[in-house]
Amino acid sequence: MNDIIVIGAGIAGLVCAQQLSQAGYSVLVVEKSRGLGGRVATRRLHETLADHGACYLKPKGELFTSLVELLCDRQILKVWTDQVHEFHPDSGLFTPDLAYRYVAPGGMSAIAKFLAQNLQILLNQRVTEINLTGNKTWRLTLESSNEVLTAKALVVAIPAPQALTLLTPLGEGVLGGEFLTNLSAVEFSACISAIAGYPASSHLIPDWQAISFIDDAILGWIGLDSSKRLQPQQPVFVLHSSAKFAQQHLESPDLQPLGQQMLQSAAETLAIPGLTTPEWLQVHRWRYAFPSIPWSEPILSAASPLPLVCCGDWCGGHLVEGAMLSGIAASGEINNYLSQLLLPGVNFFKVFSE
């Protein structure tokens, strides 16, 4: 039996697991996907990389800034740009602020791989059922093998709607109070991302790295993703849709026409006709892209007989930095329930620099 099981290998789950593991607990991370990082995601395709989830890091707080500095020292991150333009329907392009944005030349998922060091992780394993046993343990059933895992404490570090589906069968009788009501109040906006690659001979290189679209019916973002790479072989753009466009087409069985529509819109808006004719195009659906109605606190705890804590970027904020702080808060809550060991706290990543 494990001391703690963490469901979800996004940034919040990995940070929480590192905190508890470094303190001395036995921790197992269970992730339904084949990769780490959640929406800090990278695709490898056509002999190149593309970040189709989180596009960059823009650190604000001291803790996250320290982590970014460490990742830069390790050459995992680099400064990408200090300008992300905005496009307004009435006024066109302008630059609202100058602030460094950091990216990973090896793909943004490299951040998650760094945070996952020394952790015990099960990938491609979906938890289908959670029960509270008479032996005072959490009992988790896995979909692929019907294998059963047990733990003294549980951290659920996945989007709130997915957590709600998984935890609702336990009922308020086990979870207590208004836990399920609070969890169900969290809402997400969807996003459709399109990755488009162009022939090297096209010379399709604009004089900007990224543009956010304000109040656009179709587009939310476009970035020259290949400008993040050390030796780009061809121009690669990543586009994110607006929340409205994604919601309208969320259940579409064929995403390719949607990606093409996004390219057409960007080409017309930015007067770059070549965007409409990519050499290849891959489109991805993010059902839970951005928390539109987040939970107001860093974590959401159940009043259950055994500790159960939810965390993620939907707790208190919707950026990678917020996910990290939520993971740290979740580890503290779990530790208070259990052995009250000494957590590494703000120094949790120093073990990686030794």
Protein backbone atom coordinates (compact mmCIF):
# COMPACT_ATOMS: atom_id res chain seq x y z
CA MET A 1 0.00 0.00 0.00
CA ASN A 2 1.15 3.52 -0.80
CA ASP A 3 0.99 6.38 1.66
CA ILE A 4 -0.40 8.69 -1.02
CA ILE A 5 -1.72 8.32 -4.56
CA VAL A 6 -1.78 11.36 -6.82
CA ILE A 7 -4.19 11.14 -9.76
CA GLY A 8 -2.90 13.29 -12.61
CA ALA A 9 0.63 14.08 -13.79
CA GLY A 10 0.08 17.72 -14.66
CA ILE A 11 2.18 20.41 -13.02
CA ALA A 12 0.07 20.51 -9.83
CA GLY A 13 0.17 16.73 -9.40
CA LEU A 14 3.92 16.47 -10.04
CA VAL A 15 4.77 19.33 -7.67
CA CYS A 16 2.56 17.85 -4.95
CA ALA A 17 4.12 14.42 -5.45
CA GLN A 18 7.64 15.86 -5.27
CA GLN A 19 6.87 17.70 -2.03
CA LEU A 20 5.48 14.59 -0.35
CA SER A 21 8.07 12.19 -1.78
CA GLN A 22 10.99 14.35 -0.71
CA ALA A 23 9.48 14.56 2.78
CA GLY A 24 9.65 10.75 3.03
CA TYR A 25 6.19 9.50 2.04
CA SER A 26 5.70 6.69 -0.46
CA VAL A 27 3.91 8.37 -3.36
CA LEU A 28 2.48 6.91 -6.56
CA VAL A 29 1.35 9.12 -9.47
CA VAL A 30 -1.30 7.66 -11.78
CA GLU A 31 -1.82 9.32 -15.17
CA LYS A 32 -4.38 8.35 -17.83
CA SER A 33 -2.34 9.76 -20.72
CA ARG A 34 0.89 8.46 -22.19
CA GLY A 35 2.79 11.65 -21.37
CA LEU A 36 3.41 14.06 -18.52
CA GLY A 37 2.43 17.67 -18.01
CA GLY A 38 -1.27 17.90 -18.81
CA ARG A 39 -1.76 21.06 -20.85
CA VAL A 40 1.98 21.77 -20.70
CA ALA A 41 2.06 19.60 -23.80
CA THR A 42 4.33 18.99 -26.77
CA ARG A 43 3.69 17.03 -29.96
CA ARG A 44 6.49 15.40 -31.96
CA LEU A 45 5.46 15.26 -35.60
CA HIS A 46 7.03 15.57 -39.05
CA GLU A 47 10.52 15.55 -37.51
CA THR A 48 9.83 18.60 -35.40
CA LEU A 49 8.26 19.63 -32.08
CA ALA A 50 5.26 21.83 -31.42
CA ASP A 51 3.74 23.10 -28.17
CA HIS A 52 0.00 22.81 -28.66
CA GLY A 53 -0.94 23.51 -25.02
CA ALA A 54 0.75 26.10 -22.79
CA CYS A 55 2.73 28.34 -25.14
CA TYR A 56 5.22 29.94 -22.75
CA LEU A 57 5.94 30.79 -19.11
CA LYS A 58 5.67 34.31 -17.75
CA PRO A 59 6.78 34.08 -14.11
CA LYS A 60 5.51 36.54 -11.53
CA GLY A 61 5.94 35.10 -8.03
CA GLU A 62 9.28 34.49 -6.32
CA LEU A 63 8.93 30.71 -6.18
CA PHE A 64 8.04 30.24 -9.82
CA THR A 65 10.70 32.72 -10.88
CA SER A 66 13.29 30.66 -8.99
CA LEU A 67 12.16 27.50 -10.76
CA VAL A 68 12.35 29.24 -14.15
CA GLU A 69 15.87 30.44 -13.34
CA LEU A 70 16.91 26.89 -12.42
CA LEU A 71 15.43 25.54 -15.65
CA CYS A 72 17.31 28.21 -17.59
CA ASP A 73 20.55 27.22 -15.84
CA ARG A 74 19.88 23.63 -16.88
CA GLN A 75 19.28 24.87 -20.44
CA ILE A 76 15.75 23.47 -20.37
CA LEU A 77 14.25 26.95 -20.78
CA LYS A 78 15.34 30.05 -22.66
CA VAL A 79 13.98 33.54 -23.18
CA TRP A 80 11.74 33.48 -26.24
CA THR A 81 10.49 37.05 -26.55
CA ASP A 82 9.55 40.08 -24.49
CA GLN A 83 6.72 41.01 -26.85
CA VAL A 84 3.40 39.27 -27.34
CA HIS A 85 1.26 41.50 -29.53
CA GLU A 86 -2.48 41.89 -29.26
CA PHE A 87 -4.82 42.27 -32.18
CA HIS A 88 -7.97 44.32 -31.62
CA PRO A 89 -10.71 44.44 -34.26
CA ASP A 90 -10.83 48.23 -34.15
CA SER A 91 -7.22 49.27 -33.55
CA GLY A 92 -5.20 46.43 -35.07
CA LEU A 93 -1.85 45.32 -33.59
CA PHE A 94 -0.22 46.76 -30.51
CA THR A 95 2.07 45.54 -27.72
CA PRO A 96 0.50 45.93 -24.27
CA ASP A 97 3.58 45.20 -22.15
CA LEU A 98 7.21 44.18 -22.32
CA ALA A 99 7.93 41.09 -20.23
CA TYR A 100 10.11 38.08 -20.84
CA ARG A 101 8.38 34.89 -21.93
CA TYR A 102 10.26 31.64 -21.48
CA VAL A 103 9.99 28.51 -23.60
CA ALA A 104 11.62 25.09 -23.82
CA PRO A 105 13.54 24.44 -27.07
CA GLY A 106 12.98 20.73 -26.44
CA GLY A 107 9.24 21.24 -25.99
CA MET A 108 7.27 22.58 -23.02
CA SER A 109 6.67 19.03 -21.79
CA ALA A 110 10.37 19.06 -20.78
CA ILE A 111 9.26 21.06 -17.72
CA ALA A 112 7.05 18.20 -16.57
CA LYS A 113 9.80 15.65 -17.23
CA PHE A 114 12.12 17.71 -15.04
CA LEU A 115 9.56 17.83 -12.21
CA ALA A 116 8.90 14.10 -12.53
CA GLN A 117 12.45 13.08 -11.61
CA ASN A 118 12.66 10.25 -9.07
CA LEU A 119 8.89 9.85 -8.84
CA GLN A 120 7.03 6.57 -9.22
CA ILE A 121 4.57 7.12 -12.09
CA LEU A 122 2.09 4.87 -13.87
CA LEU A 123 1.25 6.15 -17.37
CA ASN A 124 -1.65 5.07 -19.58
CA GLN A 125 -3.62 4.09 -16.50
CA ARG A 126 -7.10 5.53 -16.04
CA VAL A 127 -8.72 5.37 -12.60
CA THR A 128 -12.32 4.27 -13.07
CA GLU A 129 -13.53 3.84 -9.50
CA ILE A 130 -12.65 5.06 -6.02
CA ASN A 131 -13.92 3.43 -2.84
CA LEU A 132 -13.36 3.84 0.86
CA THR A 133 -12.65 0.45 2.45
CA GLY A 134 -13.37 -0.79 5.92
CA ASN A 135 -9.63 -1.02 6.47
CA LYS A 136 -9.38 2.75 6.38
CA THR A 137 -7.79 2.98 2.96
CA TRP A 138 -8.69 4.46 -0.39
CA ARG A 139 -9.17 1.76 -3.02
CA LEU A 140 -8.66 2.69 -6.68
CA THR A 141 -9.57 0.51 -9.65
CA LEU A 142 -7.70 0.89 -12.95
CA GLU A 143 -9.47 0.57 -16.28
CA SER A 144 -6.97 -1.36 -18.38
CA SER A 145 -6.15 -4.16 -15.96
CA ASN A 146 -8.77 -3.98 -13.22
CA GLU A 147 -5.76 -3.72 -10.94
CA VAL A 148 -6.48 -2.33 -7.49
CA LEU A 149 -4.32 0.29 -5.78
CA THR A 150 -4.62 1.36 -2.15
CA ALA A 151 -3.44 4.41 -0.22
CA LYS A 152 -3.90 6.26 3.04
CA ALA A 153 -4.46 9.60 1.29
CA LEU A 154 -5.57 10.76 -2.14
CA VAL A 155 -4.73 13.82 -4.24
CA VAL A 156 -6.90 14.42 -7.31
CA ALA A 157 -4.97 16.72 -9.64
CA ILE A 158 -7.14 16.69 -12.77
CA PRO A 159 -9.64 19.18 -14.24
CA ALA A 160 -12.62 19.73 -11.94
CA PRO A 161 -15.25 18.24 -14.31
CA GLN A 162 -13.22 15.03 -14.58
CA ALA A 163 -12.74 14.95 -10.82
CA LEU A 164 -16.48 15.44 -10.35
CA THR A 165 -17.27 12.42 -12.53
CA LEU A 166 -14.79 10.29 -10.63
CA LEU A 167 -15.77 11.37 -7.12
CA THR A 168 -19.55 11.77 -7.36
CA PRO A 169 -20.26 8.06 -6.71
CA LEU A 170 -18.70 8.47 -3.26
CA GLY A 171 -21.50 10.89 -2.35
CA GLU A 172 -21.64 13.69 0.20
CA GLY A 173 -21.97 11.03 2.89
CA VAL A 174 -18.31 10.17 2.38
CA LEU A 175 -16.99 13.48 1.04
CA GLY A 176 -18.94 15.65 3.46
CA GLY A 177 -20.41 19.12 3.38
CA GLU A 178 -20.71 20.95 0.07
CA PHE A 179 -17.66 19.40 -1.54
CA LEU A 180 -19.42 18.12 -4.67
CA THR A 181 -21.43 21.33 -4.98
CA ASN A 182 -18.24 23.40 -4.90
CA LEU A 183 -16.53 21.07 -7.35
CA SER A 184 -19.45 21.23 -9.78
CA ALA A 185 -19.39 25.04 -9.72
CA VAL A 186 -15.99 25.10 -11.46
CA GLU A 187 -16.32 25.63 -15.21
CA PHE A 188 -13.85 25.41 -18.08
CA SER A 189 -13.60 26.93 -21.52
CA ALA A 190 -12.63 24.67 -24.39
CA CYS A 191 -10.01 25.36 -27.04
CA ILE A 192 -9.11 23.90 -30.41
CA SER A 193 -5.43 24.06 -31.31
CA ALA A 194 -4.03 23.74 -34.80
CA ILE A 195 -0.41 22.95 -35.64
CA ALA A 196 0.56 23.89 -39.19
CA GLY A 197 3.89 23.24 -40.91
CA TYR A 198 5.07 24.94 -44.10
CA PRO A 199 7.80 24.17 -46.64
CA ALA A 200 11.22 25.51 -45.70
CA SER A 201 11.30 27.24 -49.07
CA SER A 202 8.19 29.28 -48.25
CA HIS A 203 10.15 31.75 -46.08
CA LEU A 204 6.95 32.27 -44.10
CA ILE A 205 8.62 34.11 -41.21
CA PRO A 206 6.73 37.15 -39.85
CA ASP A 207 8.34 39.93 -37.80
CA TRP A 208 6.56 38.76 -34.64
CA GLN A 209 6.67 35.65 -32.42
CA ALA A 210 3.11 35.66 -31.12
CA ILE A 211 -0.22 37.49 -31.27
CA SER A 212 -3.24 37.27 -28.97
CA PHE A 213 -6.59 38.05 -30.56
CA ILE A 214 -9.04 40.12 -28.50
CA ASP A 215 -12.77 39.54 -29.03
CA ASP A 216 -12.25 37.52 -32.21
CA ALA A 217 -15.00 35.07 -33.15
CA ILE A 218 -12.58 32.36 -34.27
CA LEU A 219 -9.05 33.00 -33.04
CA GLY A 220 -7.48 33.36 -29.62
CA TRP A 221 -3.76 33.09 -30.38
CA ILE A 222 -1.16 32.46 -33.05
CA GLY A 223 2.51 31.81 -32.44
CA LEU A 224 5.51 31.05 -34.63
CA ASP A 225 6.32 27.89 -32.73
CA SER A 226 9.39 27.06 -34.81
CA SER A 227 11.07 30.20 -33.46
CA LYS A 228 11.38 28.37 -30.14
CA ARG A 229 13.60 25.66 -31.63
CA LEU A 230 17.38 25.83 -31.79
CA GLN A 231 17.63 24.71 -35.43
CA PRO A 232 14.16 24.91 -36.98
CA GLN A 233 13.80 22.93 -40.19
CA GLN A 234 10.63 24.63 -41.39
CA PRO A 235 8.14 27.32 -40.32
CA VAL A 236 5.60 25.91 -37.85
CA PHE A 237 2.67 27.91 -36.47
CA VAL A 238 0.41 27.00 -33.56
CA LEU A 239 -3.06 28.55 -33.42
CA HIS A 240 -5.54 28.44 -30.57
CA SER A 241 -9.21 29.10 -31.17
CA SER A 242 -11.43 31.43 -29.21
CA ALA A 243 -13.50 29.80 -26.47
CA LYS A 244 -16.69 30.58 -28.40
CA PHE A 245 -15.48 28.88 -31.57
CA ALA A 246 -14.32 25.82 -29.61
CA GLN A 247 -17.63 25.51 -27.80
CA GLN A 248 -19.57 25.73 -31.06
CA HIS A 249 -17.54 22.90 -32.59
CA LEU A 250 -16.53 20.90 -29.51
CA GLU A 251 -18.26 17.70 -30.59
CA SER A 252 -17.26 17.88 -34.25
CA PRO A 253 -16.09 14.42 -35.40
CA ASP A 254 -13.64 15.91 -37.92
CA LEU A 255 -11.34 18.62 -36.62
CA GLN A 256 -9.30 19.18 -39.79
CA PRO A 257 -11.79 21.59 -41.42
CA LEU A 258 -11.83 23.60 -38.20
CA GLY A 259 -8.07 23.96 -38.29
CA GLN A 260 -8.26 25.07 -41.90
CA GLN A 261 -10.92 27.62 -40.98
CA MET A 262 -8.65 28.99 -38.26
CA LEU A 263 -5.78 29.31 -40.74
CA GLN A 264 -8.06 31.09 -43.22
CA SER A 265 -9.15 33.55 -40.54
CA ALA A 266 -5.56 34.26 -39.47
CA ALA A 267 -4.46 34.70 -43.09
CA GLU A 268 -7.19 37.27 -43.74
CA THR A 269 -6.81 39.12 -40.45
CA LEU A 270 -3.01 39.37 -40.59
CA ALA A 271 -2.74 39.67 -44.40
CA ILE A 272 -0.52 36.59 -44.71
CA PRO A 273 -2.11 34.57 -47.55
CA GLY A 274 0.46 31.78 -47.31
CA LEU A 275 -1.01 30.62 -43.99
CA THR A 276 -3.88 28.95 -45.84
CA THR A 277 -1.67 26.39 -47.59
CA PRO A 278 0.28 24.38 -45.01
CA GLU A 279 2.35 21.37 -45.96
CA TRP A 280 0.73 19.51 -43.06
CA LEU A 281 -1.87 20.28 -40.42
CA GLN A 282 -2.74 18.60 -37.13
CA VAL A 283 -5.67 19.70 -34.96
CA HIS A 284 -6.26 18.93 -31.28
CA ARG A 285 -9.30 19.39 -29.02
CA TRP A 286 -8.75 20.69 -25.47
CA ARG A 287 -12.04 20.10 -23.70
CA TYR A 288 -10.79 21.66 -20.47
CA ALA A 289 -8.39 24.33 -21.65
CA PHE A 290 -8.91 27.32 -19.35
CA PRO A 291 -10.88 27.62 -16.09
CA SER A 292 -13.57 30.20 -16.80
CA ILE A 293 -15.04 29.93 -13.28
CA PRO A 294 -12.22 28.77 -10.98
CA TRP A 295 -12.37 27.71 -7.34
CA SER A 296 -11.35 30.67 -5.19
CA GLU A 297 -8.84 28.81 -2.97
CA PRO A 298 -5.53 27.04 -3.76
CA ILE A 299 -7.08 23.62 -3.00
CA LEU A 300 -10.47 21.99 -2.47
CA SER A 301 -10.54 19.48 0.40
CA ALA A 302 -13.15 16.87 1.19
CA ALA A 303 -14.38 16.31 4.74
CA SER A 304 -13.88 12.56 4.28
CA PRO A 305 -12.71 10.05 6.92
CA LEU A 306 -9.40 9.82 5.05
CA PRO A 307 -7.63 12.77 3.42
CA LEU A 308 -8.73 13.64 -0.12
CA VAL A 309 -7.61 16.91 -1.70
CA CYS A 310 -8.21 18.34 -5.17
CA CYS A 311 -5.71 20.70 -6.76
CA GLY A 312 -4.83 22.13 -10.15
CA ASP A 313 -4.68 25.28 -12.21
CA TRP A 314 -8.44 25.71 -11.59
CA CYS A 315 -7.73 26.39 -7.90
CA GLY A 316 -7.06 30.08 -7.41
CA GLY A 317 -5.71 30.73 -10.90
CA HIS A 318 -5.39 29.29 -14.37
CA LEU A 319 -1.69 29.52 -15.24
CA VAL A 320 1.21 27.12 -14.75
CA GLU A 321 2.35 29.19 -11.79
CA GLY A 322 -1.05 28.79 -10.15
CA ALA A 323 -0.92 25.03 -10.70
CA MET A 324 2.45 24.88 -8.99
CA LEU A 325 1.23 26.82 -5.95
CA SER A 326 -1.87 24.63 -5.79
CA GLY A 327 0.29 21.50 -5.77
CA ILE A 328 2.37 22.86 -2.90
CA ALA A 329 -0.79 23.74 -0.95
CA ALA A 330 -2.19 20.24 -1.52
CA SER A 331 0.97 18.62 -0.19
CA GLY A 332 0.74 20.72 2.96
CA GLU A 333 -2.88 19.75 3.52
CA ILE A 334 -2.12 16.04 3.07
CA ASN A 335 0.90 16.27 5.36
CA ASN A 336 -1.19 17.87 8.10
CA TYR A 337 -3.55 14.89 7.98
CA LEU A 338 -0.78 12.30 8.07
CA SER A 339 2.61 12.35 9.77
CA GLN A 340 3.38 16.08 9.66
CA LEU A 341 6.81 15.48 8.21
CA LEU A 342 9.11 18.31 7.17
CA LEU A 343 8.13 19.36 3.64
CA PRO A 344 10.75 21.01 1.39
CA GLY A 345 8.36 23.90 0.69
CA VAL A 346 9.83 26.62 -1.48
CA ASN A 347 13.10 24.67 -1.71
CA PHE A 348 11.53 21.55 -3.17
CA PHE A 349 13.39 21.81 -6.48
CA LYS A 350 16.84 22.38 -4.93
CA VAL A 351 17.34 18.62 -4.89
CA PHE A 352 17.52 18.84 -8.70
CA SER A 353 20.39 21.33 -8.63
CA GLU A 354 22.69 19.21 -6.48
